[in-house]
Amino acid sequence: MTVHSGFAPLLERFFLQRLMQQRQVSPHTISSYRDTFRLFLKFAQQRLHKSPSHLKFEEVDAPLIVAFLDHLEKQRGLTVRSRNLRLTAIHSFFRYAAFELPAHSAQIQRVLAIPSKRFTRTLVRFLSRAEVDALLAAPDQRTWFGRRDHAFLLVAVQTGLRLSEMTGLKRDDVIIGTGAHVRVIGKGRKERCTPLAKSTIAVLKAWLREPQRGHEGVLFPNARGGRLSADGVHYLLVRHCAAASKLCPSLKDKRVTVHVLRHTMALDLLQEGVDRSVIALWLGHESVETTQIYLEATLAMKEQALAKTKPHYGRCGRYRPGDSLLGFLNSL
């Protein structure tokens, strides 16, 4: 057995050489894959009673990984979609292992054969115009945190940026003046520019005049001047949503996230007649087909389409099968 059959050095090379050096994946992908293997190694340690650094590659087999995926769903309460994301990271590692350890090809193929699960695709969640207005009015703009949160929410709902893009914005990424826009490096390391509305420009101009906190130039920093964490963003959204629900009761039943604000922006563009290809470019989608989900999201657009059709007329009646076996099958 060679030293290369050790699991730990192979996993280290996967992150350092394959992901960071060869593929140059985004920091978001690195953190997602890192979290997957941290969870898996803790599970393997409990199951095999062996520390992660002493694991042998042949011990990380398909039954162990299937048990880990079941543990994520049943014990940790992860959704099927999240379970599939964890499996994607594991599959990526084993595809790399196929080149490094060809002698273990049978074991690797059994892992790669573990399928993703099907799941029900829910409708896209979004906010109405009244809900957005109530949310934007919620922060107390007499305080520094209130002014930061108001500017953060306005930029998020007007640009449709992702959470990582919002928290990663620097002051230098905001271009004020002719052709005002924000510049981001989005998913897949694709750079894009998103235009700013006049109301957003006015708020950002005022915000940029605020004394800068920290030395990183973060546009929407935390109290210490660093980058807002996902938990920090979740906290401010929950707090302001609770305050806004007093004026707009429909917000009480909605879970507001940055991605919901992103959906809201996309639906606004779609309802105003903007072409799907433009919306895809605006949001940084890899494919125009990704924007198809917004066509299914709003009942109002479906009702408008129905109003353009001619109604069908016919006699009321109910189909009754003429055979007892067909009747049984139809009753199931």
Protein backbone atom coordinates (compact mmCIF):
# COMPACT_ATOMS: atom_id res chain seq x y z
CA MET A 1 0.00 0.00 0.00
CA THR A 2 1.43 3.33 -1.00
CA VAL A 3 1.26 6.57 0.92
CA HIS A 4 -1.17 7.86 -1.70
CA SER A 5 -3.91 5.53 -0.35
CA GLY A 6 -4.21 7.80 2.69
CA PHE A 7 -7.41 9.84 2.61
CA ALA A 8 -6.02 12.99 4.28
CA PRO A 9 -3.21 13.85 1.79
CA LEU A 10 -5.53 13.18 -1.14
CA LEU A 11 -8.19 15.49 0.27
CA GLU A 12 -5.58 18.21 0.86
CA ARG A 13 -4.35 17.92 -2.73
CA PHE A 14 -7.96 18.06 -3.94
CA PHE A 15 -8.47 21.43 -2.27
CA LEU A 16 -5.05 22.97 -2.89
CA GLN A 17 -4.24 21.66 -6.36
CA ARG A 18 -7.50 20.76 -8.06
CA LEU A 19 -9.91 23.40 -6.70
CA MET A 20 -7.66 26.36 -5.92
CA GLN A 21 -4.77 26.01 -8.39
CA GLN A 22 -6.14 24.17 -11.43
CA ARG A 23 -9.82 25.13 -11.47
CA GLN A 24 -9.52 28.42 -9.50
CA VAL A 25 -13.02 28.02 -8.10
CA SER A 26 -14.67 30.83 -6.15
CA PRO A 27 -14.23 31.25 -2.37
CA HIS A 28 -17.94 30.40 -2.03
CA THR A 29 -17.35 26.98 -3.62
CA ILE A 30 -14.33 26.39 -1.40
CA SER A 31 -16.31 27.15 1.75
CA SER A 32 -19.23 24.98 0.60
CA TYR A 33 -16.97 21.99 -0.14
CA ARG A 34 -15.04 22.60 3.10
CA ASP A 35 -18.23 22.48 5.17
CA THR A 36 -19.30 19.27 3.43
CA PHE A 37 -16.09 17.44 4.31
CA ARG A 38 -16.02 18.81 7.86
CA LEU A 39 -19.47 17.33 8.42
CA PHE A 40 -18.49 14.08 6.71
CA LEU A 41 -15.24 13.64 8.65
CA LYS A 42 -16.99 14.20 11.98
CA PHE A 43 -19.57 11.58 10.97
CA ALA A 44 -16.85 9.13 9.83
CA GLN A 45 -14.97 9.63 13.10
CA GLN A 46 -18.05 8.67 15.12
CA ARG A 47 -18.90 5.74 12.84
CA LEU A 48 -15.38 4.28 12.37
CA HIS A 49 -13.85 5.41 15.69
CA LYS A 50 -10.82 6.73 13.85
CA SER A 51 -9.47 10.28 13.60
CA PRO A 52 -9.84 11.93 10.16
CA SER A 53 -6.10 12.24 9.61
CA HIS A 54 -5.69 8.45 9.97
CA LEU A 55 -8.47 7.43 7.58
CA LYS A 56 -7.54 5.15 4.71
CA PHE A 57 -9.06 5.87 1.34
CA GLU A 58 -10.51 2.37 1.04
CA GLU A 59 -12.49 2.97 4.25
CA VAL A 60 -14.41 5.82 2.65
CA ASP A 61 -16.76 3.65 0.63
CA ALA A 62 -20.24 3.99 -0.80
CA PRO A 63 -22.11 2.53 2.23
CA LEU A 64 -20.42 5.06 4.54
CA ILE A 65 -21.31 7.97 2.26
CA VAL A 66 -24.92 6.80 1.88
CA ALA A 67 -25.17 6.55 5.66
CA PHE A 68 -23.78 10.09 5.93
CA LEU A 69 -26.34 11.44 3.46
CA ASP A 70 -29.16 9.71 5.36
CA HIS A 71 -27.80 11.21 8.58
CA LEU A 72 -27.93 14.70 7.06
CA GLU A 73 -31.59 14.31 6.17
CA LYS A 74 -32.91 12.39 9.17
CA GLN A 75 -30.75 13.64 12.03
CA ARG A 76 -29.69 17.14 10.95
CA GLY A 77 -32.91 17.97 9.11
CA LEU A 78 -31.33 19.03 5.81
CA THR A 79 -33.58 19.38 2.78
CA VAL A 80 -33.17 17.13 -0.25
CA ARG A 81 -31.70 20.07 -2.17
CA SER A 82 -29.02 20.59 0.52
CA ARG A 83 -28.36 16.86 0.64
CA ASN A 84 -27.75 16.89 -3.11
CA LEU A 85 -25.31 19.81 -2.77
CA ARG A 86 -23.27 17.81 -0.24
CA LEU A 87 -23.26 14.86 -2.61
CA THR A 88 -22.04 17.11 -5.44
CA ALA A 89 -18.94 18.01 -3.40
CA ILE A 90 -18.25 14.34 -2.63
CA HIS A 91 -18.68 13.36 -6.28
CA SER A 92 -16.24 16.09 -7.32
CA PHE A 93 -13.62 14.71 -4.93
CA PHE A 94 -14.07 11.14 -6.15
CA ARG A 95 -13.77 12.19 -9.79
CA TYR A 96 -10.41 13.67 -8.83
CA ALA A 97 -9.53 10.45 -6.96
CA ALA A 98 -10.22 8.45 -10.13
CA PHE A 99 -7.15 10.06 -11.74
CA GLU A 100 -4.97 9.82 -8.64
CA LEU A 101 -5.90 6.28 -7.51
CA PRO A 102 -6.87 4.18 -10.55
CA ALA A 103 -6.36 1.00 -8.53
CA HIS A 104 -9.47 1.93 -6.52
CA SER A 105 -11.65 2.46 -9.59
CA ALA A 106 -14.33 -0.04 -8.50
CA GLN A 107 -14.78 1.70 -5.14
CA ILE A 108 -14.79 5.12 -6.82
CA GLN A 109 -17.41 4.11 -9.41
CA ARG A 110 -19.72 2.83 -6.67
CA VAL A 111 -19.53 6.24 -4.96
CA LEU A 112 -20.07 8.11 -8.23
CA ALA A 113 -23.13 5.93 -8.85
CA ILE A 114 -24.90 7.32 -5.74
CA PRO A 115 -27.76 9.30 -7.30
CA SER A 116 -29.13 12.71 -6.42
CA LYS A 117 -32.66 12.69 -5.07
CA ARG A 118 -35.63 14.18 -6.86
CA PHE A 119 -37.40 16.96 -5.01
CA THR A 120 -40.48 19.11 -5.39
CA ARG A 121 -39.72 22.49 -6.89
CA THR A 122 -41.65 25.12 -4.98
CA LEU A 123 -42.81 28.40 -6.46
CA VAL A 124 -40.43 31.33 -6.28
CA ARG A 125 -41.07 33.47 -3.20
CA PHE A 126 -41.16 37.25 -3.67
CA LEU A 127 -42.50 40.43 -2.07
CA SER A 128 -45.21 42.76 -3.26
CA ARG A 129 -44.51 46.46 -3.79
CA ALA A 130 -46.28 47.32 -0.51
CA GLU A 131 -44.18 44.77 1.38
CA VAL A 132 -40.95 46.15 -0.10
CA ASP A 133 -41.92 49.71 0.83
CA ALA A 134 -42.72 48.65 4.41
CA LEU A 135 -39.39 46.80 4.70
CA LEU A 136 -37.39 49.78 3.42
CA ALA A 137 -39.14 52.08 5.89
CA ALA A 138 -38.41 49.81 8.88
CA PRO A 139 -34.77 50.77 9.71
CA ASP A 140 -34.35 53.73 12.06
CA GLN A 141 -32.29 56.09 9.89
CA ARG A 142 -31.39 58.28 12.88
CA THR A 143 -28.72 55.67 13.74
CA TRP A 144 -25.65 54.47 11.83
CA PHE A 145 -26.95 50.88 11.77
CA GLY A 146 -30.34 52.06 10.52
CA ARG A 147 -28.81 54.04 7.66
CA ARG A 148 -26.57 51.09 6.76
CA ASP A 149 -29.48 48.64 6.80
CA HIS A 150 -31.71 50.94 4.73
CA ALA A 151 -29.00 51.35 2.09
CA PHE A 152 -28.28 47.60 2.15
CA LEU A 153 -31.94 46.65 1.65
CA LEU A 154 -32.47 49.22 -1.10
CA VAL A 155 -29.41 48.10 -3.07
CA ALA A 156 -30.37 44.43 -2.63
CA VAL A 157 -33.93 44.83 -3.89
CA GLN A 158 -32.99 47.20 -6.72
CA THR A 159 -29.99 45.29 -8.08
CA GLY A 160 -30.96 41.69 -7.31
CA LEU A 161 -27.43 40.83 -6.15
CA ARG A 162 -26.78 37.55 -4.37
CA LEU A 163 -25.99 37.43 -0.64
CA SER A 164 -22.25 36.85 -1.20
CA GLU A 165 -22.19 39.66 -3.77
CA MET A 166 -23.92 42.08 -1.38
CA THR A 167 -21.63 41.35 1.56
CA GLY A 168 -18.56 41.43 -0.69
CA LEU A 169 -19.26 44.88 -2.14
CA LYS A 170 -16.48 47.43 -1.62
CA ARG A 171 -16.86 51.20 -1.70
CA ASP A 172 -14.75 51.25 -4.88
CA ASP A 173 -17.30 48.94 -6.57
CA VAL A 174 -19.89 51.73 -6.58
CA ILE A 175 -19.63 54.05 -9.57
CA ILE A 176 -21.55 57.30 -9.08
CA GLY A 177 -22.18 59.73 -11.93
CA THR A 178 -22.98 59.13 -15.58
CA GLY A 179 -23.88 55.48 -16.03
CA ALA A 180 -24.01 54.84 -12.27
CA HIS A 181 -23.67 51.16 -11.44
CA VAL A 182 -22.21 48.59 -9.05
CA ARG A 183 -19.53 46.17 -10.23
CA VAL A 184 -19.39 42.63 -8.84
CA ILE A 185 -17.56 39.37 -9.42
CA GLY A 186 -20.43 36.92 -9.29
CA LYS A 187 -21.00 33.18 -9.45
CA GLY A 188 -18.50 31.41 -11.68
CA ARG A 189 -16.11 34.36 -11.37
CA LYS A 190 -18.13 36.33 -13.93
CA GLU A 191 -17.83 40.10 -13.68
CA ARG A 192 -20.96 42.12 -14.33
CA CYS A 193 -22.21 45.67 -13.87
CA THR A 194 -25.71 46.43 -12.59
CA PRO A 195 -27.19 49.91 -13.13
CA LEU A 196 -28.48 51.97 -10.22
CA ALA A 197 -31.79 53.84 -10.07
CA LYS A 198 -31.83 57.55 -9.17
CA SER A 199 -33.36 56.87 -5.73
CA THR A 200 -30.64 54.30 -5.00
CA ILE A 201 -27.90 56.68 -6.15
CA ALA A 202 -29.15 59.37 -3.76
CA VAL A 203 -29.11 56.98 -0.80
CA LEU A 204 -25.66 55.63 -1.71
CA LYS A 205 -24.22 59.12 -2.07
CA ALA A 206 -25.36 59.93 1.46
CA TRP A 207 -24.07 56.60 2.75
CA LEU A 208 -20.64 57.04 1.17
CA ARG A 209 -20.29 60.35 3.03
CA GLU A 210 -20.53 58.45 6.32
CA PRO A 211 -17.20 57.99 8.16
CA GLN A 212 -15.63 54.76 6.95
CA ARG A 213 -15.33 51.93 9.48
CA GLY A 214 -12.36 49.60 9.22
CA HIS A 215 -9.65 49.58 6.58
CA GLU A 216 -11.08 47.00 4.16
CA GLY A 217 -13.33 49.43 2.28
CA VAL A 218 -16.42 47.25 2.76
CA LEU A 219 -19.52 49.08 1.54
CA PHE A 220 -21.84 47.66 4.19
CA PRO A 221 -19.54 46.75 7.11
CA ASN A 222 -20.35 45.31 10.50
CA ALA A 223 -19.72 47.25 13.71
CA ARG A 224 -15.99 46.44 13.56
CA GLY A 225 -15.61 47.48 9.93
CA GLY A 226 -15.38 43.95 8.55
CA ARG A 227 -17.55 42.06 6.12
CA LEU A 228 -21.10 41.22 7.23
CA SER A 229 -21.60 37.52 7.88
CA ALA A 230 -24.56 35.52 6.63
CA ASP A 231 -25.84 35.36 10.22
CA GLY A 232 -25.50 39.14 10.51
CA VAL A 233 -27.57 39.68 7.38
CA HIS A 234 -30.16 37.17 8.59
CA TYR A 235 -30.42 39.01 11.91
CA LEU A 236 -31.02 42.42 10.31
CA LEU A 237 -33.59 41.00 7.89
CA VAL A 238 -35.54 39.25 10.66
CA ARG A 239 -35.48 42.35 12.83
CA HIS A 240 -36.64 44.75 10.14
CA CYS A 241 -39.19 42.32 8.76
CA ALA A 242 -40.74 42.02 12.21
CA ALA A 243 -40.94 45.82 12.48
CA ALA A 244 -42.35 46.17 8.96
CA SER A 245 -45.03 43.54 9.59
CA LYS A 246 -46.74 45.94 12.02
CA LEU A 247 -47.58 48.18 9.05
CA CYS A 248 -47.81 45.37 6.48
CA PRO A 249 -49.30 42.26 8.17
CA SER A 250 -48.68 40.00 5.15
CA LEU A 251 -44.95 40.03 6.01
CA LYS A 252 -45.63 38.02 9.17
CA ASP A 253 -46.11 34.88 7.09
CA LYS A 254 -43.06 35.41 4.87
CA ARG A 255 -39.44 34.43 5.38
CA VAL A 256 -37.48 37.30 3.87
CA THR A 257 -33.95 36.63 2.62
CA VAL A 258 -31.59 38.40 0.22
CA HIS A 259 -32.57 35.78 -2.36
CA VAL A 260 -36.25 36.68 -1.92
CA LEU A 261 -35.31 40.30 -2.65
CA ARG A 262 -33.42 39.04 -5.72
CA HIS A 263 -36.55 37.19 -6.91
CA THR A 264 -38.60 40.33 -6.28
CA MET A 265 -36.36 42.37 -8.57
CA ALA A 266 -36.50 39.72 -11.31
CA LEU A 267 -40.28 39.59 -11.20
CA ASP A 268 -40.51 43.39 -11.34
CA LEU A 269 -38.44 43.36 -14.52
CA LEU A 270 -40.47 40.53 -16.02
CA GLN A 271 -43.82 42.18 -15.29
CA GLU A 272 -42.57 45.39 -16.91
CA GLY A 273 -41.98 43.48 -20.12
CA VAL A 274 -38.18 43.18 -19.96
CA ASP A 275 -36.88 40.34 -22.14
CA ARG A 276 -35.75 37.18 -20.35
CA SER A 277 -32.27 37.37 -21.87
CA VAL A 278 -31.78 40.83 -20.35
CA ILE A 279 -32.98 39.58 -16.96
CA ALA A 280 -30.54 36.67 -17.18
CA LEU A 281 -27.68 39.10 -17.85
CA TRP A 282 -28.90 41.37 -15.04
CA LEU A 283 -28.93 38.54 -12.49
CA GLY A 284 -25.78 36.84 -13.75
CA HIS A 285 -27.50 33.60 -14.74
CA GLU A 286 -25.48 31.05 -16.67
CA SER A 287 -28.42 30.31 -18.95
CA VAL A 288 -31.55 32.15 -20.06
CA GLU A 289 -33.51 29.01 -19.15
CA THR A 290 -32.77 29.67 -15.48
CA THR A 291 -34.99 32.73 -15.73
CA GLN A 292 -37.91 30.47 -16.72
CA ILE A 293 -38.77 29.95 -13.02
CA TYR A 294 -40.01 33.54 -12.77
CA LEU A 295 -42.63 32.94 -15.45
CA GLU A 296 -44.29 30.44 -13.12
CA ALA A 297 -44.11 32.58 -9.98
CA THR A 298 -46.87 35.15 -10.22
CA LEU A 299 -50.56 34.36 -10.55
CA ALA A 300 -51.28 37.85 -11.94
CA MET A 301 -49.33 37.14 -15.14
CA LYS A 302 -51.18 33.85 -15.58
CA GLU A 303 -54.51 35.59 -15.12
CA GLN A 304 -53.54 38.15 -17.77
CA ALA A 305 -52.72 35.32 -20.15
CA LEU A 306 -56.04 33.61 -19.36
CA ALA A 307 -57.95 36.84 -20.09
CA LYS A 308 -56.58 36.80 -23.65
CA THR A 309 -57.98 33.34 -24.39
CA LYS A 310 -61.46 32.36 -25.47
CA PRO A 311 -63.51 30.32 -22.98
CA HIS A 312 -64.51 26.75 -23.80
CA TYR A 313 -68.17 25.76 -23.69
CA GLY A 314 -69.54 22.29 -23.16
CA ARG A 315 -72.07 20.24 -21.30
CA CYS A 316 -71.41 19.49 -17.66
CA GLY A 317 -70.90 15.85 -17.00
CA ARG A 318 -68.71 13.30 -15.30
CA TYR A 319 -66.90 10.46 -16.95
CA ARG A 320 -67.99 7.05 -15.72
CA PRO A 321 -65.91 4.04 -16.73
CA GLY A 322 -67.77 1.17 -18.26
CA ASP A 323 -65.57 -1.50 -16.71
CA SER A 324 -65.17 -2.43 -13.04
CA LEU A 325 -61.40 -2.80 -13.34
CA LEU A 326 -61.08 0.66 -14.90
CA GLY A 327 -63.31 2.00 -12.14
CA PHE A 328 -60.98 0.50 -9.53
CA LEU A 329 -57.89 2.01 -11.15
CA ASN A 330 -59.53 5.44 -11.43
CA SER A 331 -60.44 5.33 -7.75
CA LEU A 332 -56.81 4.97 -6.67
